[in-house]
Amino acid sequence: PVPGYFGVGTAGMNYCYGDTSPSLQPTAKPTDQCPEATYLPGQLTVEKDGLLLSTGLTARRLTTAGEQVRYDLGLGFSPLSMHELADGAAVIPTTDGSGDYFYVSNSESSTSGGVAAL
């Protein structure tokens, strides 16, 4: 999804809608309120830190299964290692207005399962 816009993704179509209020006249395509999409799902053109990303996305690898997480600014490492076999995850925005996020992940691994948050 494009932040601040709503819609349903459909391959090859503009899925971005800036206004979710009903219009007086139904339209067959999005209104001009929607800017040019900067994220193009499925166009895997960017490689970063061993990840293949769609056009318009960026990423930063924070950790890998079995490794400790490096603290922000490089000031040491977490006491626990990241679990393996993540089978569910969510990204949750913080409420302090900083634009930061929490990453929460679940694992059902019998040896290192549980929930972790970064």
PDB file of N, CA and C in Angstrom:
ATOM      1  N   PRO A   1       0.805  -1.198   0.000  1.00  0.00           N
ATOM      2  CA  PRO A   1       0.000   0.000   0.000  1.00  0.00           C
ATOM      3  C   PRO A   1       0.849   1.263   0.000  1.00  0.00           C
ATOM      4  N   VAL A   2       0.331   2.290  -0.569  1.00  0.00           N
ATOM      5  CA  VAL A   2       0.969   3.593  -0.545  1.00  0.00           C
ATOM      6  C   VAL A   2       0.447   4.327   0.681  1.00  0.00           C
ATOM      7  N   PRO A   3       1.338   4.788   1.592  1.00  0.00           N
ATOM      8  CA  PRO A   3       0.858   5.455   2.808  1.00  0.00           C
ATOM      9  C   PRO A   3      -0.085   6.611   2.502  1.00  0.00           C
ATOM     10  N   GLY A   4      -1.199   6.669   3.207  1.00  0.00           N
ATOM     11  CA  GLY A   4      -2.166   7.741   3.028  1.00  0.00           C
ATOM     12  C   GLY A   4      -3.170   7.503   1.910  1.00  0.00           C
ATOM     13  N   TYR A   5      -3.051   6.385   1.201  1.00  0.00           N
ATOM     14  CA  TYR A   5      -3.963   6.078   0.108  1.00  0.00           C
ATOM     15  C   TYR A   5      -4.568   4.699   0.324  1.00  0.00           C
ATOM     16  N   PHE A   6      -5.687   4.457  -0.301  1.00  0.00           N
ATOM     17  CA  PHE A   6      -6.423   3.228  -0.087  1.00  0.00           C
ATOM     18  C   PHE A   6      -6.800   2.624  -1.426  1.00  0.00           C
ATOM     19  N   GLY A   7      -6.961   1.332  -1.463  1.00  0.00           N
ATOM     20  CA  GLY A   7      -7.374   0.673  -2.690  1.00  0.00           C
ATOM     21  C   GLY A   7      -7.008  -0.788  -2.655  1.00  0.00           C
ATOM     22  N   VAL A   8      -7.254  -1.482  -3.725  1.00  0.00           N
ATOM     23  CA  VAL A   8      -6.966  -2.902  -3.832  1.00  0.00           C
ATOM     24  C   VAL A   8      -5.978  -3.099  -4.964  1.00  0.00           C
ATOM     25  N   GLY A   9      -4.890  -3.827  -4.705  1.00  0.00           N
ATOM     26  CA  GLY A   9      -3.877  -4.051  -5.721  1.00  0.00           C
ATOM     27  C   GLY A   9      -4.365  -4.984  -6.810  1.00  0.00           C
ATOM     28  N   THR A  10      -4.154  -4.608  -8.039  1.00  0.00           N
ATOM     29  CA  THR A  10      -4.477  -5.435  -9.183  1.00  0.00           C
ATOM     30  C   THR A  10      -3.338  -5.274 -10.179  1.00  0.00           C
ATOM     31  N   ALA A  11      -2.750  -6.370 -10.601  1.00  0.00           N
ATOM     32  CA  ALA A  11      -1.613  -6.311 -11.506  1.00  0.00           C
ATOM     33  C   ALA A  11      -1.930  -5.477 -12.732  1.00  0.00           C
ATOM     34  N   GLY A  12      -1.033  -4.550 -13.056  1.00  0.00           N
ATOM     35  CA  GLY A  12      -1.162  -3.734 -14.253  1.00  0.00           C
ATOM     36  C   GLY A  12      -2.166  -2.605 -14.157  1.00  0.00           C
ATOM     37  N   MET A  13      -2.743  -2.369 -12.968  1.00  0.00           N
ATOM     38  CA  MET A  13      -3.741  -1.310 -12.827  1.00  0.00           C
ATOM     39  C   MET A  13      -3.366  -0.375 -11.686  1.00  0.00           C
ATOM     40  N   ASN A  14      -3.802   0.850 -11.768  1.00  0.00           N
ATOM     41  CA  ASN A  14      -3.587   1.820 -10.705  1.00  0.00           C
ATOM     42  C   ASN A  14      -4.513   1.467  -9.550  1.00  0.00           C
ATOM     43  N   TYR A  15      -3.948   1.130  -8.386  1.00  0.00           N
ATOM     44  CA  TYR A  15      -4.732   0.675  -7.246  1.00  0.00           C
ATOM     45  C   TYR A  15      -4.860   1.730  -6.165  1.00  0.00           C
ATOM     46  N   CYS A  16      -4.409   2.930  -6.424  1.00  0.00           N
ATOM     47  CA  CYS A  16      -4.267   3.954  -5.386  1.00  0.00           C
ATOM     48  C   CYS A  16      -5.417   4.956  -5.441  1.00  0.00           C
ATOM     49  N   TYR A  17      -6.084   5.136  -4.302  1.00  0.00           N
ATOM     50  CA  TYR A  17      -7.197   6.071  -4.210  1.00  0.00           C
ATOM     51  C   TYR A  17      -6.953   6.999  -3.032  1.00  0.00           C
ATOM     52  N   GLY A  18      -6.929   8.312  -3.270  1.00  0.00           N
ATOM     53  CA  GLY A  18      -6.626   9.260  -2.216  1.00  0.00           C
ATOM     54  C   GLY A  18      -7.823   9.638  -1.382  1.00  0.00           C
ATOM     55  N   ASP A  19      -9.025   9.497  -1.855  1.00  0.00           N
ATOM     56  CA  ASP A  19     -10.218   9.907  -1.129  1.00  0.00           C
ATOM     57  C   ASP A  19     -11.151   8.712  -1.036  1.00  0.00           C
ATOM     58  N   THR A  20     -11.495   8.316   0.179  1.00  0.00           N
ATOM     59  CA  THR A  20     -12.339   7.135   0.338  1.00  0.00           C
ATOM     60  C   THR A  20     -13.814   7.483   0.489  1.00  0.00           C
ATOM     61  N   SER A  21     -14.153   8.783   0.482  1.00  0.00           N
ATOM     62  CA  SER A  21     -15.557   9.149   0.582  1.00  0.00           C
ATOM     63  C   SER A  21     -16.260   8.854  -0.742  1.00  0.00           C
ATOM     64  N   PRO A  22     -17.535   8.476  -0.697  1.00  0.00           N
ATOM     65  CA  PRO A  22     -18.227   8.147  -1.947  1.00  0.00           C
ATOM     66  C   PRO A  22     -18.362   9.368  -2.858  1.00  0.00           C
ATOM     67  N   SER A  23     -18.217   9.149  -4.147  1.00  0.00           N
ATOM     68  CA  SER A  23     -18.388  10.239  -5.101  1.00  0.00           C
ATOM     69  C   SER A  23     -19.847  10.289  -5.545  1.00  0.00           C
ATOM     70  N   LEU A  24     -20.250  11.423  -6.106  1.00  0.00           N
ATOM     71  CA  LEU A  24     -21.612  11.553  -6.609  1.00  0.00           C
ATOM     72  C   LEU A  24     -21.817  10.693  -7.843  1.00  0.00           C
ATOM     73  N   GLN A  25     -20.797  10.621  -8.674  1.00  0.00           N
ATOM     74  CA  GLN A  25     -20.860   9.827  -9.892  1.00  0.00           C
ATOM     75  C   GLN A  25     -19.827   8.703  -9.806  1.00  0.00           C
ATOM     76  N   PRO A  26     -20.225   7.460  -9.981  1.00  0.00           N
ATOM     77  CA  PRO A  26     -19.229   6.383 -10.003  1.00  0.00           C
ATOM     78  C   PRO A  26     -18.262   6.590 -11.163  1.00  0.00           C
ATOM     79  N   THR A  27     -17.011   6.251 -10.942  1.00  0.00           N
ATOM     80  CA  THR A  27     -16.004   6.381 -11.991  1.00  0.00           C
ATOM     81  C   THR A  27     -15.384   5.020 -12.261  1.00  0.00           C
ATOM     82  N   ALA A  28     -14.861   4.850 -13.460  1.00  0.00           N
ATOM     83  CA  ALA A  28     -14.262   3.587 -13.862  1.00  0.00           C
ATOM     84  C   ALA A  28     -12.789   3.500 -13.480  1.00  0.00           C
ATOM     85  N   LYS A  29     -12.198   4.634 -13.094  1.00  0.00           N
ATOM     86  CA  LYS A  29     -10.788   4.623 -12.722  1.00  0.00           C
ATOM     87  C   LYS A  29     -10.553   5.640 -11.609  1.00  0.00           C
ATOM     88  N   PRO A  30      -9.395   5.574 -10.952  1.00  0.00           N
ATOM     89  CA  PRO A  30      -9.103   6.509  -9.860  1.00  0.00           C
ATOM     90  C   PRO A  30      -9.134   7.961 -10.322  1.00  0.00           C
ATOM     91  N   THR A  31      -9.363   8.851  -9.381  1.00  0.00           N
ATOM     92  CA  THR A  31      -9.390  10.277  -9.692  1.00  0.00           C
ATOM     93  C   THR A  31      -7.978  10.817  -9.806  1.00  0.00           C
ATOM     94  N   ASP A  32      -7.838  12.067 -10.197  1.00  0.00           N
ATOM     95  CA  ASP A  32      -6.529  12.709 -10.320  1.00  0.00           C
ATOM     96  C   ASP A  32      -5.899  12.991  -8.962  1.00  0.00           C
ATOM     97  N   GLN A  33      -6.585  12.713  -7.870  1.00  0.00           N
ATOM     98  CA  GLN A  33      -6.031  12.944  -6.545  1.00  0.00           C
ATOM     99  C   GLN A  33      -4.890  11.989  -6.236  1.00  0.00           C
ATOM    100  N   CYS A  34      -4.789  10.932  -6.967  1.00  0.00           N
ATOM    101  CA  CYS A  34      -3.779   9.909  -6.698  1.00  0.00           C
ATOM    102  C   CYS A  34      -2.493  10.251  -7.454  1.00  0.00           C
ATOM    103  N   PRO A  35      -1.384  10.435  -6.730  1.00  0.00           N
ATOM    104  CA  PRO A  35      -0.126  10.733  -7.414  1.00  0.00           C
ATOM    105  C   PRO A  35       0.413   9.497  -8.127  1.00  0.00           C
ATOM    106  N   GLU A  36       1.409   9.695  -8.934  1.00  0.00           N
ATOM    107  CA  GLU A  36       2.078   8.578  -9.606  1.00  0.00           C
ATOM    108  C   GLU A  36       2.578   7.600  -8.554  1.00  0.00           C
ATOM    109  N   ALA A  37       2.296   6.335  -8.731  1.00  0.00           N
ATOM    110  CA  ALA A  37       2.722   5.324  -7.760  1.00  0.00           C
ATOM    111  C   ALA A  37       4.240   5.253  -7.731  1.00  0.00           C
ATOM    112  N   THR A  38       4.811   5.229  -6.518  1.00  0.00           N
ATOM    113  CA  THR A  38       6.264   5.116  -6.376  1.00  0.00           C
ATOM    114  C   THR A  38       6.674   3.698  -6.026  1.00  0.00           C
ATOM    115  N   TYR A  39       5.711   2.846  -5.707  1.00  0.00           N
ATOM    116  CA  TYR A  39       5.963   1.451  -5.386  1.00  0.00           C
ATOM    117  C   TYR A  39       5.275   0.610  -6.444  1.00  0.00           C
ATOM    118  N   LEU A  40       6.031  -0.220  -7.126  1.00  0.00           N
ATOM    119  CA  LEU A  40       5.486  -1.015  -8.215  1.00  0.00           C
ATOM    120  C   LEU A  40       5.579  -2.497  -7.848  1.00  0.00           C
ATOM    121  N   PRO A  41       4.499  -3.067  -7.294  1.00  0.00           N
ATOM    122  CA  PRO A  41       4.519  -4.458  -6.851  1.00  0.00           C
ATOM    123  C   PRO A  41       4.915  -5.412  -7.964  1.00  0.00           C
ATOM    124  N   GLY A  42       5.780  -6.357  -7.631  1.00  0.00           N
ATOM    125  CA  GLY A  42       6.161  -7.388  -8.582  1.00  0.00           C
ATOM    126  C   GLY A  42       7.297  -7.019  -9.517  1.00  0.00           C
ATOM    127  N   GLN A  43       7.694  -5.745  -9.560  1.00  0.00           N
ATOM    128  CA  GLN A  43       8.818  -5.347 -10.412  1.00  0.00           C
ATOM    129  C   GLN A  43      10.097  -5.451  -9.577  1.00  0.00           C
ATOM    130  N   LEU A  44      10.625  -6.654  -9.487  1.00  0.00           N
ATOM    131  CA  LEU A  44      11.773  -6.939  -8.636  1.00  0.00           C
ATOM    132  C   LEU A  44      13.053  -6.478  -9.313  1.00  0.00           C
ATOM    133  N   THR A  45      13.392  -5.209  -9.090  1.00  0.00           N
ATOM    134  CA  THR A  45      14.523  -4.595  -9.789  1.00  0.00           C
ATOM    135  C   THR A  45      15.628  -4.121  -8.860  1.00  0.00           C
ATOM    136  N   VAL A  46      15.408  -4.162  -7.550  1.00  0.00           N
ATOM    137  CA  VAL A  46      16.372  -3.612  -6.601  1.00  0.00           C
ATOM    138  C   VAL A  46      16.922  -4.737  -5.726  1.00  0.00           C
ATOM    139  N   GLU A  47      18.259  -4.860  -5.671  1.00  0.00           N
ATOM    140  CA  GLU A  47      18.872  -5.827  -4.767  1.00  0.00           C
ATOM    141  C   GLU A  47      19.608  -5.068  -3.672  1.00  0.00           C
ATOM    142  N   LYS A  48      19.293  -5.388  -2.424  1.00  0.00           N
ATOM    143  CA  LYS A  48      19.893  -4.690  -1.277  1.00  0.00           C
ATOM    144  C   LYS A  48      20.075  -5.692  -0.148  1.00  0.00           C
ATOM    145  N   ASP A  49      21.271  -5.805   0.362  1.00  0.00           N
ATOM    146  CA  ASP A  49      21.582  -6.689   1.487  1.00  0.00           C
ATOM    147  C   ASP A  49      21.089  -8.122   1.265  1.00  0.00           C
ATOM    148  N   GLY A  50      21.199  -8.618   0.043  1.00  0.00           N
ATOM    149  CA  GLY A  50      20.776  -9.983  -0.255  1.00  0.00           C
ATOM    150  C   GLY A  50      19.279 -10.141  -0.448  1.00  0.00           C
ATOM    151  N   LEU A  51      18.540  -9.041  -0.480  1.00  0.00           N
ATOM    152  CA  LEU A  51      17.088  -9.076  -0.675  1.00  0.00           C
ATOM    153  C   LEU A  51      16.760  -8.552  -2.063  1.00  0.00           C
ATOM    154  N   LEU A  52      15.778  -9.134  -2.725  1.00  0.00           N
ATOM    155  CA  LEU A  52      15.310  -8.661  -4.017  1.00  0.00           C
ATOM    156  C   LEU A  52      13.991  -7.923  -3.790  1.00  0.00           C
ATOM    157  N   LEU A  53      13.976  -6.624  -4.109  1.00  0.00           N
ATOM    158  CA  LEU A  53      12.847  -5.753  -3.781  1.00  0.00           C
ATOM    159  C   LEU A  53      12.171  -5.218  -5.028  1.00  0.00           C
ATOM    160  N   SER A  54      10.894  -4.886  -4.890  1.00  0.00           N
ATOM    161  CA  SER A  54      10.157  -4.234  -5.968  1.00  0.00           C
ATOM    162  C   SER A  54      10.635  -2.796  -6.132  1.00  0.00           C
ATOM    163  N   THR A  55      10.483  -2.276  -7.329  1.00  0.00           N
ATOM    164  CA  THR A  55      10.828  -0.897  -7.633  1.00  0.00           C
ATOM    165  C   THR A  55      10.148   0.046  -6.637  1.00  0.00           C
ATOM    166  N   GLY A  56      10.910   0.973  -6.065  1.00  0.00           N
ATOM    167  CA  GLY A  56      10.364   1.960  -5.145  1.00  0.00           C
ATOM    168  C   GLY A  56      10.516   1.599  -3.677  1.00  0.00           C
ATOM    169  N   LEU A  57      10.941   0.366  -3.373  1.00  0.00           N
ATOM    170  CA  LEU A  57      11.106  -0.036  -1.976  1.00  0.00           C
ATOM    171  C   LEU A  57      12.571   0.028  -1.566  1.00  0.00           C
ATOM    172  N   THR A  58      12.802   0.241  -0.287  1.00  0.00           N
ATOM    173  CA  THR A  58      14.139   0.154   0.282  1.00  0.00           C
ATOM    174  C   THR A  58      14.066  -0.778   1.484  1.00  0.00           C
ATOM    175  N   ALA A  59      15.199  -1.280   1.909  1.00  0.00           N
ATOM    176  CA  ALA A  59      15.228  -2.189   3.050  1.00  0.00           C
ATOM    177  C   ALA A  59      16.561  -2.054   3.768  1.00  0.00           C
ATOM    178  N   ARG A  60      16.544  -2.458   5.023  1.00  0.00           N
ATOM    179  CA  ARG A  60      17.771  -2.540   5.811  1.00  0.00           C
ATOM    180  C   ARG A  60      17.662  -3.806   6.642  1.00  0.00           C
ATOM    181  N   ARG A  61      18.620  -4.720   6.481  1.00  0.00           N
ATOM    182  CA  ARG A  61      18.607  -5.965   7.243  1.00  0.00           C
ATOM    183  C   ARG A  61      18.998  -5.642   8.678  1.00  0.00           C
ATOM    184  N   LEU A  62      18.112  -5.985   9.609  1.00  0.00           N
ATOM    185  CA  LEU A  62      18.358  -5.717  11.020  1.00  0.00           C
ATOM    186  C   LEU A  62      18.996  -6.895  11.733  1.00  0.00           C
ATOM    187  N   THR A  63      18.633  -8.084  11.325  1.00  0.00           N
ATOM    188  CA  THR A  63      19.188  -9.291  11.928  1.00  0.00           C
ATOM    189  C   THR A  63      18.861 -10.484  11.042  1.00  0.00           C
ATOM    190  N   THR A  64      19.404 -11.615  11.412  1.00  0.00           N
ATOM    191  CA  THR A  64      19.149 -12.876  10.730  1.00  0.00           C
ATOM    192  C   THR A  64      18.893 -13.919  11.811  1.00  0.00           C
ATOM    193  N   ALA A  65      18.116 -14.924  11.507  1.00  0.00           N
ATOM    194  CA  ALA A  65      17.824 -15.983  12.478  1.00  0.00           C
ATOM    195  C   ALA A  65      19.106 -16.475  13.130  1.00  0.00           C
ATOM    196  N   GLY A  66      19.096 -16.566  14.451  1.00  0.00           N
ATOM    197  CA  GLY A  66      20.247 -17.057  15.199  1.00  0.00           C
ATOM    198  C   GLY A  66      21.265 -15.996  15.558  1.00  0.00           C
ATOM    199  N   GLU A  67      21.090 -14.770  15.050  1.00  0.00           N
ATOM    200  CA  GLU A  67      22.034 -13.687  15.343  1.00  0.00           C
ATOM    201  C   GLU A  67      21.426 -12.695  16.326  1.00  0.00           C
ATOM    202  N   GLN A  68      22.285 -12.049  17.104  1.00  0.00           N
ATOM    203  CA  GLN A  68      21.839 -10.980  17.983  1.00  0.00           C
ATOM    204  C   GLN A  68      21.589  -9.732  17.141  1.00  0.00           C
ATOM    205  N   VAL A  69      20.724  -8.869  17.628  1.00  0.00           N
ATOM    206  CA  VAL A  69      20.391  -7.627  16.927  1.00  0.00           C
ATOM    207  C   VAL A  69      21.344  -6.536  17.376  1.00  0.00           C
ATOM    208  N   ARG A  70      21.976  -5.854  16.409  1.00  0.00           N
ATOM    209  CA  ARG A  70      22.844  -4.713  16.740  1.00  0.00           C
ATOM    210  C   ARG A  70      21.956  -3.530  17.126  1.00  0.00           C
ATOM    211  N   TYR A  71      22.242  -2.931  18.258  1.00  0.00           N
ATOM    212  CA  TYR A  71      21.476  -1.767  18.709  1.00  0.00           C
ATOM    213  C   TYR A  71      21.703  -0.588  17.774  1.00  0.00           C
ATOM    214  N   ASP A  72      20.743   0.324  17.753  1.00  0.00           N
ATOM    215  CA  ASP A  72      20.844   1.534  16.946  1.00  0.00           C
ATOM    216  C   ASP A  72      22.141   2.274  17.276  1.00  0.00           C
ATOM    217  N   LEU A  73      22.730   2.885  16.309  1.00  0.00           N
ATOM    218  CA  LEU A  73      23.992   3.609  16.436  1.00  0.00           C
ATOM    219  C   LEU A  73      25.175   2.677  16.716  1.00  0.00           C
ATOM    220  N   GLY A  74      24.956   1.355  16.589  1.00  0.00           N
ATOM    221  CA  GLY A  74      26.043   0.413  16.772  1.00  0.00           C
ATOM    222  C   GLY A  74      26.530   0.261  18.195  1.00  0.00           C
ATOM    223  N   LEU A  75      25.685   0.578  19.177  1.00  0.00           N
ATOM    224  CA  LEU A  75      26.091   0.544  20.583  1.00  0.00           C
ATOM    225  C   LEU A  75      25.822  -0.811  21.232  1.00  0.00           C
ATOM    226  N   GLY A  76      26.440  -1.860  20.730  1.00  0.00           N
ATOM    227  CA  GLY A  76      26.297  -3.186  21.319  1.00  0.00           C
ATOM    228  C   GLY A  76      25.239  -4.024  20.632  1.00  0.00           C
ATOM    229  N   PHE A  77      24.946  -5.180  21.275  1.00  0.00           N
ATOM    230  CA  PHE A  77      24.013  -6.149  20.715  1.00  0.00           C
ATOM    231  C   PHE A  77      22.972  -6.549  21.752  1.00  0.00           C
ATOM    232  N   SER A  78      21.831  -7.022  21.279  1.00  0.00           N
ATOM    233  CA  SER A  78      20.781  -7.524  22.161  1.00  0.00           C
ATOM    234  C   SER A  78      21.271  -8.787  22.870  1.00  0.00           C
ATOM    235  N   PRO A  79      20.749  -9.078  24.064  1.00  0.00           N
ATOM    236  CA  PRO A  79      21.182 -10.278  24.784  1.00  0.00           C
ATOM    237  C   PRO A  79      20.650 -11.577  24.174  1.00  0.00           C
ATOM    238  N   LEU A  80      19.562 -11.508  23.420  1.00  0.00           N
ATOM    239  CA  LEU A  80      18.951 -12.693  22.820  1.00  0.00           C
ATOM    240  C   LEU A  80      19.162 -12.702  21.313  1.00  0.00           C
ATOM    241  N   SER A  81      19.184 -13.898  20.753  1.00  0.00           N
ATOM    242  CA  SER A  81      19.279 -14.041  19.299  1.00  0.00           C
ATOM    243  C   SER A  81      17.876 -14.043  18.693  1.00  0.00           C
ATOM    244  N   MET A  82      17.781 -13.646  17.442  1.00  0.00           N
ATOM    245  CA  MET A  82      16.506 -13.667  16.722  1.00  0.00           C
ATOM    246  C   MET A  82      16.096 -15.108  16.466  1.00  0.00           C
ATOM    247  N   HIS A  83      14.793 -15.386  16.659  1.00  0.00           N
ATOM    248  CA  HIS A  83      14.322 -16.747  16.434  1.00  0.00           C
ATOM    249  C   HIS A  83      14.370 -17.115  14.954  1.00  0.00           C
ATOM    250  N   GLU A  84      14.234 -18.404  14.676  1.00  0.00           N
ATOM    251  CA  GLU A  84      14.251 -18.891  13.298  1.00  0.00           C
ATOM    252  C   GLU A  84      12.838 -19.276  12.875  1.00  0.00           C
ATOM    253  N   LEU A  85      12.670 -19.519  11.596  1.00  0.00           N
ATOM    254  CA  LEU A  85      11.402 -19.988  11.025  1.00  0.00           C
ATOM    255  C   LEU A  85      10.224 -19.073  11.353  1.00  0.00           C
ATOM    256  N   ALA A  86      10.397 -17.787  11.149  1.00  0.00           N
ATOM    257  CA  ALA A  86       9.299 -16.845  11.386  1.00  0.00           C
ATOM    258  C   ALA A  86       8.125 -17.217  10.492  1.00  0.00           C
ATOM    259  N   ASP A  87       6.939 -17.353  11.092  1.00  0.00           N
ATOM    260  CA  ASP A  87       5.767 -17.741  10.306  1.00  0.00           C
ATOM    261  C   ASP A  87       4.658 -16.701  10.362  1.00  0.00           C
ATOM    262  N   GLY A  88       4.916 -15.601  10.993  1.00  0.00           N
ATOM    263  CA  GLY A  88       3.948 -14.510  11.042  1.00  0.00           C
ATOM    264  C   GLY A  88       4.652 -13.256  11.518  1.00  0.00           C
ATOM    265  N   ALA A  89       4.259 -12.097  10.988  1.00  0.00           N
ATOM    266  CA  ALA A  89       4.925 -10.855  11.370  1.00  0.00           C
ATOM    267  C   ALA A  89       3.998  -9.677  11.118  1.00  0.00           C
ATOM    268  N   ALA A  90       4.324  -8.561  11.758  1.00  0.00           N
ATOM    269  CA  ALA A  90       3.574  -7.317  11.554  1.00  0.00           C
ATOM    270  C   ALA A  90       4.522  -6.142  11.728  1.00  0.00           C
ATOM    271  N   VAL A  91       4.223  -5.055  11.065  1.00  0.00           N
ATOM    272  CA  VAL A  91       4.952  -3.809  11.232  1.00  0.00           C
ATOM    273  C   VAL A  91       3.954  -2.810  11.799  1.00  0.00           C
ATOM    274  N   ILE A  92       4.287  -2.234  12.962  1.00  0.00           N
ATOM    275  CA  ILE A  92       3.362  -1.373  13.684  1.00  0.00           C
ATOM    276  C   ILE A  92       3.998   0.001  13.861  1.00  0.00           C
ATOM    277  N   PRO A  93       3.332   1.079  13.428  1.00  0.00           N
ATOM    278  CA  PRO A  93       3.920   2.415  13.614  1.00  0.00           C
ATOM    279  C   PRO A  93       3.936   2.811  15.088  1.00  0.00           C
ATOM    280  N   THR A  94       4.988   3.528  15.488  1.00  0.00           N
ATOM    281  CA  THR A  94       5.033   4.063  16.845  1.00  0.00           C
ATOM    282  C   THR A  94       4.029   5.206  16.951  1.00  0.00           C
ATOM    283  N   THR A  95       3.697   5.598  18.161  1.00  0.00           N
ATOM    284  CA  THR A  95       2.703   6.660  18.360  1.00  0.00           C
ATOM    285  C   THR A  95       3.339   7.997  18.712  1.00  0.00           C
ATOM    286  N   ASP A  96       4.660   8.096  18.627  1.00  0.00           N
ATOM    287  CA  ASP A  96       5.341   9.335  19.032  1.00  0.00           C
ATOM    288  C   ASP A  96       5.534  10.329  17.887  1.00  0.00           C
ATOM    289  N   GLY A  97       5.026  10.004  16.691  1.00  0.00           N
ATOM    290  CA  GLY A  97       5.134  10.918  15.555  1.00  0.00           C
ATOM    291  C   GLY A  97       6.496  10.901  14.877  1.00  0.00           C
ATOM    292  N   SER A  98       7.381   9.988  15.257  1.00  0.00           N
ATOM    293  CA  SER A  98       8.736   9.953  14.701  1.00  0.00           C
ATOM    294  C   SER A  98       8.797   9.317  13.313  1.00  0.00           C
ATOM    295  N   GLY A  99       7.756   8.565  12.940  1.00  0.00           N
ATOM    296  CA  GLY A  99       7.790   7.834  11.683  1.00  0.00           C
ATOM    297  C   GLY A  99       8.477   6.488  11.816  1.00  0.00           C
ATOM    298  N   ASP A 100       8.857   6.121  13.045  1.00  0.00           N
ATOM    299  CA  ASP A 100       9.488   4.825  13.289  1.00  0.00           C
ATOM    300  C   ASP A 100       8.439   3.732  13.407  1.00  0.00           C
ATOM    301  N   TYR A 101       8.905   2.488  13.336  1.00  0.00           N
ATOM    302  CA  TYR A 101       8.022   1.329  13.389  1.00  0.00           C
ATOM    303  C   TYR A 101       8.587   0.273  14.333  1.00  0.00           C
ATOM    304  N   PHE A 102       7.711  -0.594  14.811  1.00  0.00           N
ATOM    305  CA  PHE A 102       8.095  -1.818  15.507  1.00  0.00           C
ATOM    306  C   PHE A 102       7.872  -2.968  14.537  1.00  0.00           C
ATOM    307  N   TYR A 103       8.796  -3.913  14.516  1.00  0.00           N
ATOM    308  CA  TYR A 103       8.625  -5.143  13.754  1.00  0.00           C
ATOM    309  C   TYR A 103       8.391  -6.246  14.777  1.00  0.00           C
ATOM    310  N   VAL A 104       7.276  -6.947  14.663  1.00  0.00           N
ATOM    311  CA  VAL A 104       6.928  -8.024  15.582  1.00  0.00           C
ATOM    312  C   VAL A 104       6.837  -9.310  14.772  1.00  0.00           C
ATOM    313  N   SER A 105       7.488 -10.364  15.271  1.00  0.00           N
ATOM    314  CA  SER A 105       7.562 -11.624  14.538  1.00  0.00           C
ATOM    315  C   SER A 105       7.279 -12.792  15.464  1.00  0.00           C
ATOM    316  N   ASN A 106       6.635 -13.817  14.929  1.00  0.00           N
ATOM    317  CA  ASN A 106       6.296 -15.030  15.673  1.00  0.00           C
ATOM    318  C   ASN A 106       6.991 -16.216  15.022  1.00  0.00           C
ATOM    319  N   SER A 107       7.352 -17.198  15.844  1.00  0.00           N
ATOM    320  CA  SER A 107       7.953 -18.427  15.334  1.00  0.00           C
ATOM    321  C   SER A 107       7.394 -19.612  16.091  1.00  0.00           C
ATOM    322  N   GLU A 108       7.108 -20.681  15.374  1.00  0.00           N
ATOM    323  CA  GLU A 108       6.612 -21.912  15.987  1.00  0.00           C
ATOM    324  C   GLU A 108       7.713 -22.959  16.102  1.00  0.00           C
ATOM    325  N   SER A 109       8.965 -22.565  15.935  1.00  0.00           N
ATOM    326  CA  SER A 109      10.080 -23.499  16.027  1.00  0.00           C
ATOM    327  C   SER A 109      10.115 -24.141  17.414  1.00  0.00           C
ATOM    328  N   SER A 110      10.368 -25.443  17.457  1.00  0.00           N
ATOM    329  CA  SER A 110      10.391 -26.139  18.749  1.00  0.00           C
ATOM    330  C   SER A 110      11.657 -25.852  19.547  1.00  0.00           C
ATOM    331  N   THR A 111      12.686 -25.295  18.903  1.00  0.00           N
ATOM    332  CA  THR A 111      13.945 -25.020  19.620  1.00  0.00           C
ATOM    333  C   THR A 111      14.145 -23.560  19.953  1.00  0.00           C
ATOM    334  N   SER A 112      13.635 -22.648  19.136  1.00  0.00           N
ATOM    335  CA  SER A 112      13.862 -21.220  19.410  1.00  0.00           C
ATOM    336  C   SER A 112      12.626 -20.393  19.099  1.00  0.00           C
ATOM    337  N   GLY A 113      11.452 -20.980  19.249  1.00  0.00           N
ATOM    338  CA  GLY A 113      10.207 -20.298  18.915  1.00  0.00           C
ATOM    339  C   GLY A 113       9.825 -19.233  19.919  1.00  0.00           C
ATOM    340  N   GLY A 114       8.790 -18.512  19.593  1.00  0.00           N
ATOM    341  CA  GLY A 114       8.287 -17.451  20.453  1.00  0.00           C
ATOM    342  C   GLY A 114       8.010 -16.206  19.654  1.00  0.00           C
ATOM    343  N   VAL A 115       7.928 -15.092  20.354  1.00  0.00           N
ATOM    344  CA  VAL A 115       7.644 -13.800  19.740  1.00  0.00           C
ATOM    345  C   VAL A 115       8.819 -12.874  19.992  1.00  0.00           C
ATOM    346  N   ALA A 116       9.171 -12.096  18.978  1.00  0.00           N
ATOM    347  CA  ALA A 116      10.237 -11.108  19.129  1.00  0.00           C
ATOM    348  C   ALA A 116       9.751  -9.788  18.556  1.00  0.00           C
ATOM    349  N   ALA A 117      10.266  -8.696  19.068  1.00  0.00           N
ATOM    350  CA  ALA A 117       9.921  -7.370  18.551  1.00  0.00           C
ATOM    351  C   ALA A 117      11.194  -6.552  18.428  1.00  0.00           C
ATOM    352  N   LEU A 118      11.320  -5.847  17.324  1.00  0.00           N
ATOM    353  CA  LEU A 118      12.449  -4.938  17.092  1.00  0.00           C
ATOM    354  C   LEU A 118      11.917  -3.537  16.991  1.00  0.00           C
TER     355      LEU A 118
END
